[in-house]
Amino acid sequence: MAVAVVFGVADAVRVGVRVAVAVVFGVCDGVDVVVGVGVVVVFAVSVAVSVVDDSWA
């Protein structure tokens, strides 16, 4: 009985660790995507501003 309880707890801990790792990796992927999109947007805006500046000059 005690062995079954210990194995049950160990399994639960293992599943919890896997879920936590998956969540952390998911958040990291989300951050990567946001940073990537942000860089693209900033680059596009800076290009647009320089084009507008050139056309006004």
PDB file of N, CA and C in Angstrom:
ATOM      1  N   MET A   1       0.844  -1.210   0.000  1.00  0.00           N
ATOM      2  CA  MET A   1       0.000   0.000   0.000  1.00  0.00           C
ATOM      3  C   MET A   1       0.878   1.259   0.000  1.00  0.00           C
ATOM      4  N   ALA A   2       1.829   1.297   0.929  1.00  0.00           N
ATOM      5  CA  ALA A   2       2.707   2.469   1.014  1.00  0.00           C
ATOM      6  C   ALA A   2       3.493   2.646  -0.278  1.00  0.00           C
ATOM      7  N   VAL A   3       3.930   1.520  -0.855  1.00  0.00           N
ATOM      8  CA  VAL A   3       4.690   1.585  -2.104  1.00  0.00           C
ATOM      9  C   VAL A   3       3.819   2.164  -3.210  1.00  0.00           C
ATOM     10  N   ALA A   4       2.554   1.731  -3.266  1.00  0.00           N
ATOM     11  CA  ALA A   4       1.632   2.243  -4.282  1.00  0.00           C
ATOM     12  C   ALA A   4       1.440   3.748  -4.120  1.00  0.00           C
ATOM     13  N   VAL A   5       1.313   4.205  -2.885  1.00  0.00           N
ATOM     14  CA  VAL A   5       1.134   5.639  -2.626  1.00  0.00           C
ATOM     15  C   VAL A   5       2.373   6.408  -3.085  1.00  0.00           C
ATOM     16  N   VAL A   6       3.559   5.882  -2.757  1.00  0.00           N
ATOM     17  CA  VAL A   6       4.803   6.554  -3.141  1.00  0.00           C
ATOM     18  C   VAL A   6       4.908   6.640  -4.658  1.00  0.00           C
ATOM     19  N   PHE A   7       4.597   5.516  -5.340  1.00  0.00           N
ATOM     20  CA  PHE A   7       4.660   5.527  -6.802  1.00  0.00           C
ATOM     21  C   PHE A   7       3.620   6.478  -7.384  1.00  0.00           C
ATOM     22  N   GLY A   8       2.438   6.529  -6.783  1.00  0.00           N
ATOM     23  CA  GLY A   8       1.398   7.457  -7.243  1.00  0.00           C
ATOM     24  C   GLY A   8       1.851   8.898  -7.109  1.00  0.00           C
ATOM     25  N   VAL A   9       2.453   9.228  -5.973  1.00  0.00           N
ATOM     26  CA  VAL A   9       2.951  10.589  -5.748  1.00  0.00           C
ATOM     27  C   VAL A   9       4.072  10.905  -6.734  1.00  0.00           C
ATOM     28  N   ALA A  10       4.971   9.935  -6.944  1.00  0.00           N
ATOM     29  CA  ALA A  10       6.082  10.146  -7.873  1.00  0.00           C
ATOM     30  C   ALA A  10       5.552  10.398  -9.283  1.00  0.00           C
ATOM     31  N   ASP A  11       4.544   9.627  -9.694  1.00  0.00           N
ATOM     32  CA  ASP A  11       3.940   9.831 -11.017  1.00  0.00           C
ATOM     33  C   ASP A  11       3.316  11.218 -11.113  1.00  0.00           C
ATOM     34  N   ALA A  12       2.604  11.620 -10.069  1.00  0.00           N
ATOM     35  CA  ALA A  12       1.963  12.934 -10.063  1.00  0.00           C
ATOM     36  C   ALA A  12       3.014  14.033 -10.174  1.00  0.00           C
ATOM     37  N   VAL A  13       4.116  13.883  -9.443  1.00  0.00           N
ATOM     38  CA  VAL A  13       5.198  14.879  -9.494  1.00  0.00           C
ATOM     39  C   VAL A  13       5.789  14.925 -10.893  1.00  0.00           C
ATOM     40  N   ARG A  14       5.994  13.737 -11.491  1.00  0.00           N
ATOM     41  CA  ARG A  14       6.561  13.679 -12.835  1.00  0.00           C
ATOM     42  C   ARG A  14       5.650  14.387 -13.833  1.00  0.00           C
ATOM     43  N   VAL A  15       4.356  14.117 -13.747  1.00  0.00           N
ATOM     44  CA  VAL A  15       3.393  14.768 -14.648  1.00  0.00           C
ATOM     45  C   VAL A  15       3.404  16.275 -14.414  1.00  0.00           C
ATOM     46  N   GLY A  16       3.428  16.681 -13.150  1.00  0.00           N
ATOM     47  CA  GLY A  16       3.458  18.106 -12.825  1.00  0.00           C
ATOM     48  C   GLY A  16       4.682  18.791 -13.401  1.00  0.00           C
ATOM     49  N   VAL A  17       5.839  18.129 -13.293  1.00  0.00           N
ATOM     50  CA  VAL A  17       7.077  18.698 -13.836  1.00  0.00           C
ATOM     51  C   VAL A  17       6.974  18.820 -15.348  1.00  0.00           C
ATOM     52  N   ARG A  18       6.423  17.773 -15.998  1.00  0.00           N
ATOM     53  CA  ARG A  18       6.277  17.819 -17.459  1.00  0.00           C
ATOM     54  C   ARG A  18       5.374  18.969 -17.873  1.00  0.00           C
ATOM     55  N   VAL A  19       4.258  19.122 -17.170  1.00  0.00           N
ATOM     56  CA  VAL A  19       3.322  20.205 -17.496  1.00  0.00           C
ATOM     57  C   VAL A  19       4.001  21.557 -17.291  1.00  0.00           C
ATOM     58  N   ALA A  20       4.730  21.703 -16.178  1.00  0.00           N
ATOM     59  CA  ALA A  20       5.416  22.968 -15.895  1.00  0.00           C
ATOM     60  C   ALA A  20       6.430  23.288 -16.987  1.00  0.00           C
ATOM     61  N   VAL A  21       7.196  22.270 -17.406  1.00  0.00           N
ATOM     62  CA  VAL A  21       8.189  22.483 -18.464  1.00  0.00           C
ATOM     63  C   VAL A  21       7.494  22.882 -19.760  1.00  0.00           C
ATOM     64  N   ALA A  22       6.385  22.196 -20.075  1.00  0.00           N
ATOM     65  CA  ALA A  22       5.642  22.522 -21.294  1.00  0.00           C
ATOM     66  C   ALA A  22       5.126  23.955 -21.247  1.00  0.00           C
ATOM     67  N   VAL A  23       4.625  24.377 -20.094  1.00  0.00           N
ATOM     68  CA  VAL A  23       4.106  25.742 -19.950  1.00  0.00           C
ATOM     69  C   VAL A  23       5.235  26.755 -20.128  1.00  0.00           C
ATOM     70  N   VAL A  24       6.385  26.478 -19.495  1.00  0.00           N
ATOM     71  CA  VAL A  24       7.523  27.402 -19.605  1.00  0.00           C
ATOM     72  C   VAL A  24       7.973  27.518 -21.056  1.00  0.00           C
ATOM     73  N   PHE A  25       8.077  26.359 -21.742  1.00  0.00           N
ATOM     74  CA  PHE A  25       8.489  26.402 -23.147  1.00  0.00           C
ATOM     75  C   PHE A  25       7.441  27.112 -23.989  1.00  0.00           C
ATOM     76  N   GLY A  26       6.158  26.893 -23.681  1.00  0.00           N
ATOM     77  CA  GLY A  26       5.093  27.575 -24.410  1.00  0.00           C
ATOM     78  C   GLY A  26       5.181  29.083 -24.236  1.00  0.00           C
ATOM     79  N   VAL A  27       5.431  29.525 -23.000  1.00  0.00           N
ATOM     80  CA  VAL A  27       5.558  30.960 -22.729  1.00  0.00           C
ATOM     81  C   VAL A  27       6.769  31.520 -23.468  1.00  0.00           C
ATOM     82  N   CYS A  28       7.874  30.770 -23.454  1.00  0.00           N
ATOM     83  CA  CYS A  28       9.079  31.223 -24.160  1.00  0.00           C
ATOM     84  C   CYS A  28       8.807  31.354 -25.651  1.00  0.00           C
ATOM     85  N   ASP A  29       8.095  30.378 -26.217  1.00  0.00           N
ATOM     86  CA  ASP A  29       7.730  30.457 -27.635  1.00  0.00           C
ATOM     87  C   ASP A  29       6.875  31.689 -27.886  1.00  0.00           C
ATOM     88  N   GLY A  30       5.913  31.939 -26.993  1.00  0.00           N
ATOM     89  CA  GLY A  30       5.060  33.114 -27.136  1.00  0.00           C
ATOM     90  C   GLY A  30       5.868  34.395 -27.095  1.00  0.00           C
ATOM     91  N   VAL A  31       6.829  34.466 -26.167  1.00  0.00           N
ATOM     92  CA  VAL A  31       7.680  35.655 -26.047  1.00  0.00           C
ATOM     93  C   VAL A  31       8.513  35.829 -27.313  1.00  0.00           C
ATOM     94  N   ASP A  32       9.066  34.701 -27.818  1.00  0.00           N
ATOM     95  CA  ASP A  32       9.851  34.767 -29.059  1.00  0.00           C
ATOM     96  C   ASP A  32       9.016  35.336 -30.193  1.00  0.00           C
ATOM     97  N   VAL A  33       7.781  34.869 -30.307  1.00  0.00           N
ATOM     98  CA  VAL A  33       6.899  35.337 -31.387  1.00  0.00           C
ATOM     99  C   VAL A  33       6.628  36.829 -31.228  1.00  0.00           C
ATOM    100  N   VAL A  34       6.314  37.258 -30.004  1.00  0.00           N
ATOM    101  CA  VAL A  34       6.017  38.675 -29.753  1.00  0.00           C
ATOM    102  C   VAL A  34       7.236  39.535 -30.074  1.00  0.00           C
ATOM    103  N   VAL A  35       8.417  39.088 -29.635  1.00  0.00           N
ATOM    104  CA  VAL A  35       9.643  39.850 -29.903  1.00  0.00           C
ATOM    105  C   VAL A  35       9.900  39.914 -31.404  1.00  0.00           C
ATOM    106  N   GLY A  36       9.720  38.779 -32.084  1.00  0.00           N
ATOM    107  CA  GLY A  36       9.919  38.748 -33.537  1.00  0.00           C
ATOM    108  C   GLY A  36       8.989  39.701 -34.253  1.00  0.00           C
ATOM    109  N   VAL A  37       7.708  39.662 -33.889  1.00  0.00           N
ATOM    110  CA  VAL A  37       6.727  40.559 -34.509  1.00  0.00           C
ATOM    111  C   VAL A  37       7.072  42.004 -34.187  1.00  0.00           C
ATOM    112  N   GLY A  38       7.457  42.263 -32.939  1.00  0.00           N
ATOM    113  CA  GLY A  38       7.829  43.622 -32.536  1.00  0.00           C
ATOM    114  C   GLY A  38       8.997  44.154 -33.346  1.00  0.00           C
ATOM    115  N   VAL A  39      10.010  43.320 -33.558  1.00  0.00           N
ATOM    116  CA  VAL A  39      11.177  43.739 -34.344  1.00  0.00           C
ATOM    117  C   VAL A  39      10.757  44.056 -35.771  1.00  0.00           C
ATOM    118  N   VAL A  40       9.917  43.203 -36.358  1.00  0.00           N
ATOM    119  CA  VAL A  40       9.447  43.430 -37.734  1.00  0.00           C
ATOM    120  C   VAL A  40       8.661  44.733 -37.817  1.00  0.00           C
ATOM    121  N   VAL A  41       7.782  44.977 -36.841  1.00  0.00           N
ATOM    122  CA  VAL A  41       6.962  46.196 -36.847  1.00  0.00           C
ATOM    123  C   VAL A  41       7.858  47.428 -36.718  1.00  0.00           C
ATOM    124  N   VAL A  42       8.813  47.397 -35.787  1.00  0.00           N
ATOM    125  CA  VAL A  42       9.717  48.541 -35.598  1.00  0.00           C
ATOM    126  C   VAL A  42      10.514  48.798 -36.874  1.00  0.00           C
ATOM    127  N   PHE A  43      11.002  47.719 -37.490  1.00  0.00           N
ATOM    128  CA  PHE A  43      11.767  47.857 -38.736  1.00  0.00           C
ATOM    129  C   PHE A  43      10.894  48.474 -39.830  1.00  0.00           C
ATOM    130  N   ALA A  44       9.658  47.968 -39.962  1.00  0.00           N
ATOM    131  CA  ALA A  44       8.746  48.479 -40.993  1.00  0.00           C
ATOM    132  C   ALA A  44       8.440  49.956 -40.762  1.00  0.00           C
ATOM    133  N   VAL A  45       8.205  50.326 -39.505  1.00  0.00           N
ATOM    134  CA  VAL A  45       7.898  51.724 -39.190  1.00  0.00           C
ATOM    135  C   VAL A  45       9.102  52.608 -39.501  1.00  0.00           C
ATOM    136  N   SER A  46      10.300  52.156 -39.139  1.00  0.00           N
ATOM    137  CA  SER A  46      11.491  52.977 -39.399  1.00  0.00           C
ATOM    138  C   SER A  46      11.717  53.137 -40.900  1.00  0.00           C
ATOM    139  N   VAL A  47      11.483  52.077 -41.670  1.00  0.00           N
ATOM    140  CA  VAL A  47      11.608  52.174 -43.126  1.00  0.00           C
ATOM    141  C   VAL A  47      10.576  53.154 -43.669  1.00  0.00           C
ATOM    142  N   ALA A  48       9.337  53.036 -43.195  1.00  0.00           N
ATOM    143  CA  ALA A  48       8.273  53.933 -43.663  1.00  0.00           C
ATOM    144  C   ALA A  48       8.610  55.382 -43.336  1.00  0.00           C
ATOM    145  N   VAL A  49       9.120  55.626 -42.128  1.00  0.00           N
ATOM    146  CA  VAL A  49       9.466  56.992 -41.719  1.00  0.00           C
ATOM    147  C   VAL A  49      10.585  57.534 -42.605  1.00  0.00           C
ATOM    148  N   SER A  50      11.588  56.712 -42.888  1.00  0.00           N
ATOM    149  CA  SER A  50      12.695  57.192 -43.723  1.00  0.00           C
ATOM    150  C   SER A  50      12.209  57.464 -45.145  1.00  0.00           C
ATOM    151  N   VAL A  51      11.297  56.649 -45.660  1.00  0.00           N
ATOM    152  CA  VAL A  51      10.738  56.875 -46.998  1.00  0.00           C
ATOM    153  C   VAL A  51       9.954  58.181 -47.019  1.00  0.00           C
ATOM    154  N   VAL A  52       9.130  58.393 -45.996  1.00  0.00           N
ATOM    155  CA  VAL A  52       8.335  59.628 -45.918  1.00  0.00           C
ATOM    156  C   VAL A  52       9.257  60.831 -45.796  1.00  0.00           C
ATOM    157  N   ASP A  53      10.294  60.710 -44.962  1.00  0.00           N
ATOM    158  CA  ASP A  53      11.275  61.794 -44.816  1.00  0.00           C
ATOM    159  C   ASP A  53      11.899  62.136 -46.162  1.00  0.00           C
ATOM    160  N   ASP A  54      12.299  61.119 -46.907  1.00  0.00           N
ATOM    161  CA  ASP A  54      12.922  61.339 -48.215  1.00  0.00           C
ATOM    162  C   ASP A  54      11.958  62.030 -49.169  1.00  0.00           C
ATOM    163  N   SER A  55      10.697  61.629 -49.133  1.00  0.00           N
ATOM    164  CA  SER A  55       9.733  62.211 -50.073  1.00  0.00           C
ATOM    165  C   SER A  55       9.410  63.662 -49.703  1.00  0.00           C
ATOM    166  N   TRP A  56       9.485  63.996 -48.403  1.00  0.00           N
ATOM    167  CA  TRP A  56       9.212  65.377 -47.976  1.00  0.00           C
ATOM    168  C   TRP A  56      10.422  66.280 -48.199  1.00  0.00           C
ATOM    169  N   ALA A  57      11.598  65.686 -48.211  1.00  0.00           N
ATOM    170  CA  ALA A  57      12.831  66.485 -48.259  1.00  0.00           C
ATOM    171  C   ALA A  57      12.969  67.226 -49.586  1.00  0.00           C
TER     172      ALA A  57
END
